[in-house]
Amino acid sequence: MSARSFNWIGVVLTLGCFAVVLTGNTEMAWRFEHTAFPLSWLLAGAAILAFLATELFDTTASVPDEEEDSSSELSQEWETVELRS
């Protein structure tokens, strides 16, 4: 699974959590929400884990390469401009 998949799983679980909380006082959802461990808590915990998995598997947040590090250094042209001023 990719980071995008985990992200969408987290979004769906979060929306499910909101839906269970909003319908918690209806006859249908009462038995799931008013227990020792409510369903909304379970969905919220699973959503948090899905978002954490998104962060762990995200390839865009990887460590920068050496090429990127060297490009952040001042070029020779900027060094001479700084010396003149």
PDB file of N, CA and C in Angstrom:
ATOM      1  N   MET A   1       0.832  -1.173   0.000  1.00  0.00           N
ATOM      2  CA  MET A   1       0.000   0.000   0.000  1.00  0.00           C
ATOM      3  C   MET A   1       0.879   1.239   0.000  1.00  0.00           C
ATOM      4  N   SER A   2       0.398   2.264  -0.624  1.00  0.00           N
ATOM      5  CA  SER A   2       1.170   3.499  -0.705  1.00  0.00           C
ATOM      6  C   SER A   2       0.693   4.492   0.346  1.00  0.00           C
ATOM      7  N   ALA A   3       1.425   5.587   0.447  1.00  0.00           N
ATOM      8  CA  ALA A   3       1.064   6.633   1.402  1.00  0.00           C
ATOM      9  C   ALA A   3      -0.293   7.227   1.058  1.00  0.00           C
ATOM     10  N   ARG A   4      -0.582   7.340  -0.218  1.00  0.00           N
ATOM     11  CA  ARG A   4      -1.871   7.885  -0.642  1.00  0.00           C
ATOM     12  C   ARG A   4      -3.023   6.996  -0.172  1.00  0.00           C
ATOM     13  N   SER A   5      -2.836   5.691  -0.218  1.00  0.00           N
ATOM     14  CA  SER A   5      -3.879   4.760   0.246  1.00  0.00           C
ATOM     15  C   SER A   5      -4.132   4.926   1.737  1.00  0.00           C
ATOM     16  N   PHE A   6      -3.052   5.003   2.515  1.00  0.00           N
ATOM     17  CA  PHE A   6      -3.213   5.189   3.953  1.00  0.00           C
ATOM     18  C   PHE A   6      -3.887   6.514   4.274  1.00  0.00           C
ATOM     19  N   ASN A   7      -3.565   7.543   3.489  1.00  0.00           N
ATOM     20  CA  ASN A   7      -4.189   8.842   3.706  1.00  0.00           C
ATOM     21  C   ASN A   7      -5.695   8.760   3.495  1.00  0.00           C
ATOM     22  N   TRP A   8      -6.134   8.120   2.418  1.00  0.00           N
ATOM     23  CA  TRP A   8      -7.571   8.010   2.156  1.00  0.00           C
ATOM     24  C   TRP A   8      -8.262   7.117   3.171  1.00  0.00           C
ATOM     25  N   ILE A   9      -7.585   6.091   3.644  1.00  0.00           N
ATOM     26  CA  ILE A   9      -8.153   5.253   4.705  1.00  0.00           C
ATOM     27  C   ILE A   9      -8.373   6.096   5.958  1.00  0.00           C
ATOM     28  N   GLY A  10      -7.403   6.938   6.301  1.00  0.00           N
ATOM     29  CA  GLY A  10      -7.537   7.822   7.450  1.00  0.00           C
ATOM     30  C   GLY A  10      -8.683   8.807   7.297  1.00  0.00           C
ATOM     31  N   VAL A  11      -8.859   9.346   6.099  1.00  0.00           N
ATOM     32  CA  VAL A  11      -9.953  10.283   5.848  1.00  0.00           C
ATOM     33  C   VAL A  11     -11.302   9.579   6.015  1.00  0.00           C
ATOM     34  N   VAL A  12     -11.429   8.397   5.439  1.00  0.00           N
ATOM     35  CA  VAL A  12     -12.690   7.653   5.531  1.00  0.00           C
ATOM     36  C   VAL A  12     -12.992   7.271   6.979  1.00  0.00           C
ATOM     37  N   LEU A  13     -11.981   6.829   7.716  1.00  0.00           N
ATOM     38  CA  LEU A  13     -12.188   6.477   9.123  1.00  0.00           C
ATOM     39  C   LEU A  13     -12.566   7.693   9.960  1.00  0.00           C
ATOM     40  N   THR A  14     -11.978   8.847   9.665  1.00  0.00           N
ATOM     41  CA  THR A  14     -12.331  10.071  10.376  1.00  0.00           C
ATOM     42  C   THR A  14     -13.774  10.458  10.108  1.00  0.00           C
ATOM     43  N   LEU A  15     -14.188  10.391   8.848  1.00  0.00           N
ATOM     44  CA  LEU A  15     -15.583  10.693   8.512  1.00  0.00           C
ATOM     45  C   LEU A  15     -16.528   9.681   9.168  1.00  0.00           C
ATOM     46  N   GLY A  16     -16.122   8.431   9.222  1.00  0.00           N
ATOM     47  CA  GLY A  16     -16.923   7.422   9.911  1.00  0.00           C
ATOM     48  C   GLY A  16     -17.045   7.716  11.396  1.00  0.00           C
ATOM     49  N   CYS A  17     -15.968   8.193  12.000  1.00  0.00           N
ATOM     50  CA  CYS A  17     -15.993   8.563  13.408  1.00  0.00           C
ATOM     51  C   CYS A  17     -16.990   9.689  13.644  1.00  0.00           C
ATOM     52  N   PHE A  18     -16.951  10.716  12.797  1.00  0.00           N
ATOM     53  CA  PHE A  18     -17.909  11.818  12.919  1.00  0.00           C
ATOM     54  C   PHE A  18     -19.342  11.332  12.743  1.00  0.00           C
ATOM     55  N   ALA A  19     -19.539  10.430  11.791  1.00  0.00           N
ATOM     56  CA  ALA A  19     -20.891   9.919  11.548  1.00  0.00           C
ATOM     57  C   ALA A  19     -21.408   9.152  12.757  1.00  0.00           C
ATOM     58  N   VAL A  20     -20.558   8.351  13.376  1.00  0.00           N
ATOM     59  CA  VAL A  20     -20.988   7.577  14.549  1.00  0.00           C
ATOM     60  C   VAL A  20     -21.291   8.515  15.721  1.00  0.00           C
ATOM     61  N   VAL A  21     -20.487   9.554  15.898  1.00  0.00           N
ATOM     62  CA  VAL A  21     -20.733  10.499  16.981  1.00  0.00           C
ATOM     63  C   VAL A  21     -22.051  11.236  16.748  1.00  0.00           C
ATOM     64  N   LEU A  22     -22.283  11.670  15.521  1.00  0.00           N
ATOM     65  CA  LEU A  22     -23.520  12.407  15.224  1.00  0.00           C
ATOM     66  C   LEU A  22     -24.764  11.533  15.334  1.00  0.00           C
ATOM     67  N   THR A  23     -24.642  10.256  15.042  1.00  0.00           N
ATOM     68  CA  THR A  23     -25.801   9.356  15.117  1.00  0.00           C
ATOM     69  C   THR A  23     -25.825   8.556  16.413  1.00  0.00           C
ATOM     70  N   GLY A  24     -24.971   8.931  17.357  1.00  0.00           N
ATOM     71  CA  GLY A  24     -24.844   8.167  18.602  1.00  0.00           C
ATOM     72  C   GLY A  24     -26.108   8.114  19.437  1.00  0.00           C
ATOM     73  N   ASN A  25     -26.992   9.063  19.275  1.00  0.00           N
ATOM     74  CA  ASN A  25     -28.218   9.072  20.068  1.00  0.00           C
ATOM     75  C   ASN A  25     -29.399   8.454  19.339  1.00  0.00           C
ATOM     76  N   THR A  26     -29.161   7.897  18.177  1.00  0.00           N
ATOM     77  CA  THR A  26     -30.244   7.201  17.478  1.00  0.00           C
ATOM     78  C   THR A  26     -30.315   5.764  17.974  1.00  0.00           C
ATOM     79  N   GLU A  27     -31.431   5.130  17.736  1.00  0.00           N
ATOM     80  CA  GLU A  27     -31.621   3.761  18.206  1.00  0.00           C
ATOM     81  C   GLU A  27     -30.644   2.794  17.542  1.00  0.00           C
ATOM     82  N   MET A  28     -30.340   3.058  16.266  1.00  0.00           N
ATOM     83  CA  MET A  28     -29.468   2.149  15.519  1.00  0.00           C
ATOM     84  C   MET A  28     -28.019   2.199  16.033  1.00  0.00           C
ATOM     85  N   ALA A  29     -27.493   3.400  16.287  1.00  0.00           N
ATOM     86  CA  ALA A  29     -26.086   3.540  16.665  1.00  0.00           C
ATOM     87  C   ALA A  29     -25.877   3.551  18.174  1.00  0.00           C
ATOM     88  N   TRP A  30     -26.937   3.600  18.952  1.00  0.00           N
ATOM     89  CA  TRP A  30     -26.819   3.662  20.410  1.00  0.00           C
ATOM     90  C   TRP A  30     -25.996   2.508  20.979  1.00  0.00           C
ATOM     91  N   ARG A  31     -26.239   1.311  20.518  1.00  0.00           N
ATOM     92  CA  ARG A  31     -25.555   0.139  21.097  1.00  0.00           C
ATOM     93  C   ARG A  31     -24.067   0.104  20.758  1.00  0.00           C
ATOM     94  N   PHE A  32     -23.651   0.773  19.659  1.00  0.00           N
ATOM     95  CA  PHE A  32     -22.227   0.800  19.297  1.00  0.00           C
ATOM     96  C   PHE A  32     -21.477   1.928  20.002  1.00  0.00           C
ATOM     97  N   GLU A  33     -22.176   3.023  20.256  1.00  0.00           N
ATOM     98  CA  GLU A  33     -21.514   4.198  20.817  1.00  0.00           C
ATOM     99  C   GLU A  33     -21.503   4.188  22.345  1.00  0.00           C
ATOM    100  N   HIS A  34     -22.472   3.602  22.978  1.00  0.00           N
ATOM    101  CA  HIS A  34     -22.567   3.644  24.438  1.00  0.00           C
ATOM    102  C   HIS A  34     -22.196   2.290  25.036  1.00  0.00           C
ATOM    103  N   THR A  35     -20.947   1.924  24.818  1.00  0.00           N
ATOM    104  CA  THR A  35     -20.393   0.697  25.395  1.00  0.00           C
ATOM    105  C   THR A  35     -19.154   1.065  26.203  1.00  0.00           C
ATOM    106  N   ALA A  36     -18.466   0.077  26.721  1.00  0.00           N
ATOM    107  CA  ALA A  36     -17.246   0.344  27.490  1.00  0.00           C
ATOM    108  C   ALA A  36     -16.165   0.971  26.606  1.00  0.00           C
ATOM    109  N   PHE A  37     -16.103   0.580  25.347  1.00  0.00           N
ATOM    110  CA  PHE A  37     -15.148   1.152  24.391  1.00  0.00           C
ATOM    111  C   PHE A  37     -15.940   1.552  23.147  1.00  0.00           C
ATOM    112  N   PRO A  38     -16.322   2.823  23.011  1.00  0.00           N
ATOM    113  CA  PRO A  38     -17.199   3.261  21.925  1.00  0.00           C
ATOM    114  C   PRO A  38     -16.590   3.051  20.537  1.00  0.00           C
ATOM    115  N   LEU A  39     -17.456   2.841  19.580  1.00  0.00           N
ATOM    116  CA  LEU A  39     -17.030   2.640  18.194  1.00  0.00           C
ATOM    117  C   LEU A  39     -16.317   3.872  17.644  1.00  0.00           C
ATOM    118  N   SER A  40     -16.741   5.054  18.046  1.00  0.00           N
ATOM    119  CA  SER A  40     -16.092   6.281  17.554  1.00  0.00           C
ATOM    120  C   SER A  40     -14.633   6.338  18.004  1.00  0.00           C
ATOM    121  N   TRP A  41     -14.341   5.867  19.197  1.00  0.00           N
ATOM    122  CA  TRP A  41     -12.961   5.835  19.669  1.00  0.00           C
ATOM    123  C   TRP A  41     -12.132   4.863  18.839  1.00  0.00           C
ATOM    124  N   LEU A  42     -12.726   3.722  18.523  1.00  0.00           N
ATOM    125  CA  LEU A  42     -12.039   2.726  17.707  1.00  0.00           C
ATOM    126  C   LEU A  42     -11.725   3.295  16.321  1.00  0.00           C
ATOM    127  N   LEU A  43     -12.705   3.959  15.717  1.00  0.00           N
ATOM    128  CA  LEU A  43     -12.489   4.549  14.399  1.00  0.00           C
ATOM    129  C   LEU A  43     -11.450   5.675  14.452  1.00  0.00           C
ATOM    130  N   ALA A  44     -11.505   6.493  15.498  1.00  0.00           N
ATOM    131  CA  ALA A  44     -10.536   7.580  15.637  1.00  0.00           C
ATOM    132  C   ALA A  44      -9.118   7.033  15.830  1.00  0.00           C
ATOM    133  N   GLY A  45      -8.979   6.000  16.634  1.00  0.00           N
ATOM    134  CA  GLY A  45      -7.656   5.393  16.820  1.00  0.00           C
ATOM    135  C   GLY A  45      -7.106   4.784  15.545  1.00  0.00           C
ATOM    136  N   ALA A  46      -7.975   4.118  14.784  1.00  0.00           N
ATOM    137  CA  ALA A  46      -7.539   3.551  13.505  1.00  0.00           C
ATOM    138  C   ALA A  46      -7.173   4.652  12.520  1.00  0.00           C
ATOM    139  N   ALA A  47      -7.900   5.766  12.548  1.00  0.00           N
ATOM    140  CA  ALA A  47      -7.583   6.890  11.665  1.00  0.00           C
ATOM    141  C   ALA A  47      -6.221   7.485  12.012  1.00  0.00           C
ATOM    142  N   ILE A  48      -5.937   7.612  13.298  1.00  0.00           N
ATOM    143  CA  ILE A  48      -4.629   8.124  13.718  1.00  0.00           C
ATOM    144  C   ILE A  48      -3.516   7.208  13.234  1.00  0.00           C
ATOM    145  N   LEU A  49      -3.704   5.910  13.368  1.00  0.00           N
ATOM    146  CA  LEU A  49      -2.694   4.957  12.885  1.00  0.00           C
ATOM    147  C   LEU A  49      -2.523   5.040  11.372  1.00  0.00           C
ATOM    148  N   ALA A  50      -3.618   5.241  10.644  1.00  0.00           N
ATOM    149  CA  ALA A  50      -3.525   5.370   9.187  1.00  0.00           C
ATOM    150  C   ALA A  50      -2.757   6.626   8.805  1.00  0.00           C
ATOM    151  N   PHE A  51      -3.006   7.743   9.511  1.00  0.00           N
ATOM    152  CA  PHE A  51      -2.268   8.971   9.206  1.00  0.00           C
ATOM    153  C   PHE A  51      -0.794   8.850   9.586  1.00  0.00           C
ATOM    154  N   LEU A  52      -0.488   8.129  10.653  1.00  0.00           N
ATOM    155  CA  LEU A  52       0.913   7.875  10.998  1.00  0.00           C
ATOM    156  C   LEU A  52       1.593   7.020   9.942  1.00  0.00           C
ATOM    157  N   ALA A  53       0.877   6.030   9.431  1.00  0.00           N
ATOM    158  CA  ALA A  53       1.428   5.198   8.350  1.00  0.00           C
ATOM    159  C   ALA A  53       1.660   6.034   7.104  1.00  0.00           C
ATOM    160  N   THR A  54       0.791   7.005   6.860  1.00  0.00           N
ATOM    161  CA  THR A  54       0.988   7.911   5.727  1.00  0.00           C
ATOM    162  C   THR A  54       2.312   8.634   5.864  1.00  0.00           C
ATOM    163  N   GLU A  55       2.586   9.138   7.061  1.00  0.00           N
ATOM    164  CA  GLU A  55       3.839   9.857   7.284  1.00  0.00           C
ATOM    165  C   GLU A  55       5.052   8.940   7.174  1.00  0.00           C
ATOM    166  N   LEU A  56       4.927   7.711   7.631  1.00  0.00           N
ATOM    167  CA  LEU A  56       6.060   6.784   7.570  1.00  0.00           C
ATOM    168  C   LEU A  56       6.374   6.345   6.148  1.00  0.00           C
ATOM    169  N   PHE A  57       5.345   6.151   5.338  1.00  0.00           N
ATOM    170  CA  PHE A  57       5.542   5.648   3.986  1.00  0.00           C
ATOM    171  C   PHE A  57       5.607   6.736   2.934  1.00  0.00           C
ATOM    172  N   ASP A  58       5.574   7.992   3.346  1.00  0.00           N
ATOM    173  CA  ASP A  58       5.605   9.093   2.392  1.00  0.00           C
ATOM    174  C   ASP A  58       7.020   9.233   1.835  1.00  0.00           C
ATOM    175  N   THR A  59       7.147   9.103   0.525  1.00  0.00           N
ATOM    176  CA  THR A  59       8.466   9.171  -0.104  1.00  0.00           C
ATOM    177  C   THR A  59       8.906  10.597  -0.376  1.00  0.00           C
ATOM    178  N   THR A  60       7.991  11.551  -0.359  1.00  0.00           N
ATOM    179  CA  THR A  60       8.376  12.937  -0.624  1.00  0.00           C
ATOM    180  C   THR A  60       9.046  13.570   0.578  1.00  0.00           C
ATOM    181  N   ALA A  61       8.892  13.010   1.745  1.00  0.00           N
ATOM    182  CA  ALA A  61       9.519  13.553   2.946  1.00  0.00           C
ATOM    183  C   ALA A  61      10.814  12.817   3.266  1.00  0.00           C
ATOM    184  N   SER A  62      11.500  12.329   2.247  1.00  0.00           N
ATOM    185  CA  SER A  62      12.727  11.578   2.474  1.00  0.00           C
ATOM    186  C   SER A  62      13.888  12.527   2.763  1.00  0.00           C
ATOM    187  N   VAL A  63      14.989  11.952   3.177  1.00  0.00           N
ATOM    188  CA  VAL A  63      16.180  12.731   3.475  1.00  0.00           C
ATOM    189  C   VAL A  63      16.742  13.293   2.172  1.00  0.00           C
ATOM    190  N   PRO A  64      17.135  14.575   2.149  1.00  0.00           N
ATOM    191  CA  PRO A  64      17.648  15.160   0.909  1.00  0.00           C
ATOM    192  C   PRO A  64      18.966  14.518   0.468  1.00  0.00           C
ATOM    193  N   ASP A  65      19.162  14.467  -0.833  1.00  0.00           N
ATOM    194  CA  ASP A  65      20.385  13.906  -1.390  1.00  0.00           C
ATOM    195  C   ASP A  65      21.532  14.897  -1.244  1.00  0.00           C
ATOM    196  N   GLU A  66      22.741  14.423  -1.545  1.00  0.00           N
ATOM    197  CA  GLU A  66      23.905  15.300  -1.473  1.00  0.00           C
ATOM    198  C   GLU A  66      23.832  16.408  -2.503  1.00  0.00           C
ATOM    199  N   GLU A  67      23.233  16.136  -3.662  1.00  0.00           N
ATOM    200  CA  GLU A  67      23.104  17.157  -4.696  1.00  0.00           C
ATOM    201  C   GLU A  67      22.263  18.324  -4.207  1.00  0.00           C
ATOM    202  N   GLU A  68      21.218  18.052  -3.472  1.00  0.00           N
ATOM    203  CA  GLU A  68      20.373  19.113  -2.950  1.00  0.00           C
ATOM    204  C   GLU A  68      21.103  19.928  -1.890  1.00  0.00           C
ATOM    205  N   ASP A  69      21.955  19.262  -1.098  1.00  0.00           N
ATOM    206  CA  ASP A  69      22.697  19.977  -0.069  1.00  0.00           C
ATOM    207  C   ASP A  69      23.710  20.934  -0.681  1.00  0.00           C
ATOM    208  N   SER A  70      24.378  20.534  -1.734  1.00  0.00           N
ATOM    209  CA  SER A  70      25.393  21.389  -2.338  1.00  0.00           C
ATOM    210  C   SER A  70      24.760  22.577  -3.062  1.00  0.00           C
ATOM    211  N   SER A  71      23.534  22.437  -3.527  1.00  0.00           N
ATOM    212  CA  SER A  71      22.900  23.545  -4.224  1.00  0.00           C
ATOM    213  C   SER A  71      22.501  24.653  -3.265  1.00  0.00           C
ATOM    214  N   SER A  72      22.411  24.363  -1.974  1.00  0.00           N
ATOM    215  CA  SER A  72      22.030  25.390  -1.014  1.00  0.00           C
ATOM    216  C   SER A  72      23.208  26.275  -0.618  1.00  0.00           C
ATOM    217  N   GLU A  73      24.418  25.878  -0.981  1.00  0.00           N
ATOM    218  CA  GLU A  73      25.582  26.687  -0.661  1.00  0.00           C
ATOM    219  C   GLU A  73      25.650  27.887  -1.591  1.00  0.00           C
ATOM    220  N   LEU A  74      26.341  28.939  -1.143  1.00  0.00           N
ATOM    221  CA  LEU A  74      26.486  30.135  -1.966  1.00  0.00           C
ATOM    222  C   LEU A  74      27.374  29.842  -3.172  1.00  0.00           C
ATOM    223  N   SER A  75      27.000  30.377  -4.293  1.00  0.00           N
ATOM    224  CA  SER A  75      27.829  30.192  -5.482  1.00  0.00           C
ATOM    225  C   SER A  75      28.986  31.183  -5.449  1.00  0.00           C
ATOM    226  N   GLN A  76      29.949  30.993  -6.330  1.00  0.00           N
ATOM    227  CA  GLN A  76      31.103  31.887  -6.399  1.00  0.00           C
ATOM    228  C   GLN A  76      30.667  33.316  -6.707  1.00  0.00           C
ATOM    229  N   GLU A  77      29.655  33.449  -7.534  1.00  0.00           N
ATOM    230  CA  GLU A  77      29.171  34.769  -7.924  1.00  0.00           C
ATOM    231  C   GLU A  77      28.636  35.535  -6.705  1.00  0.00           C
ATOM    232  N   TRP A  78      27.899  34.876  -5.850  1.00  0.00           N
ATOM    233  CA  TRP A  78      27.340  35.542  -4.672  1.00  0.00           C
ATOM    234  C   TRP A  78      28.437  35.874  -3.666  1.00  0.00           C
ATOM    235  N   GLU A  79      29.459  35.052  -3.587  1.00  0.00           N
ATOM    236  CA  GLU A  79      30.546  35.329  -2.652  1.00  0.00           C
ATOM    237  C   GLU A  79      31.294  36.594  -3.048  1.00  0.00           C
ATOM    238  N   THR A  80      31.503  36.800  -4.347  1.00  0.00           N
ATOM    239  CA  THR A  80      32.200  38.006  -4.781  1.00  0.00           C
ATOM    240  C   THR A  80      31.326  39.235  -4.587  1.00  0.00           C
ATOM    241  N   VAL A  81      30.033  39.112  -4.736  1.00  0.00           N
ATOM    242  CA  VAL A  81      29.147  40.244  -4.521  1.00  0.00           C
ATOM    243  C   VAL A  81      29.156  40.637  -3.047  1.00  0.00           C
ATOM    244  N   GLU A  82      29.182  39.652  -2.165  1.00  0.00           N
ATOM    245  CA  GLU A  82      29.203  39.939  -0.745  1.00  0.00           C
ATOM    246  C   GLU A  82      30.517  40.608  -0.327  1.00  0.00           C
ATOM    247  N   LEU A  83      31.622  40.237  -0.943  1.00  0.00           N
ATOM    248  CA  LEU A  83      32.900  40.811  -0.592  1.00  0.00           C
ATOM    249  C   LEU A  83      32.993  42.274  -1.035  1.00  0.00           C
ATOM    250  N   ARG A  84      32.353  42.647  -2.121  1.00  0.00           N
ATOM    251  CA  ARG A  84      32.423  44.005  -2.637  1.00  0.00           C
ATOM    252  C   ARG A  84      31.595  44.961  -1.789  1.00  0.00           C
ATOM    253  N   SER A  85      30.539  44.502  -1.171  1.00  0.00           N
ATOM    254  CA  SER A  85      29.692  45.447  -0.442  1.00  0.00           C
ATOM    255  C   SER A  85      30.168  45.729   0.941  1.00  0.00           C
TER     256      SER A  85
END
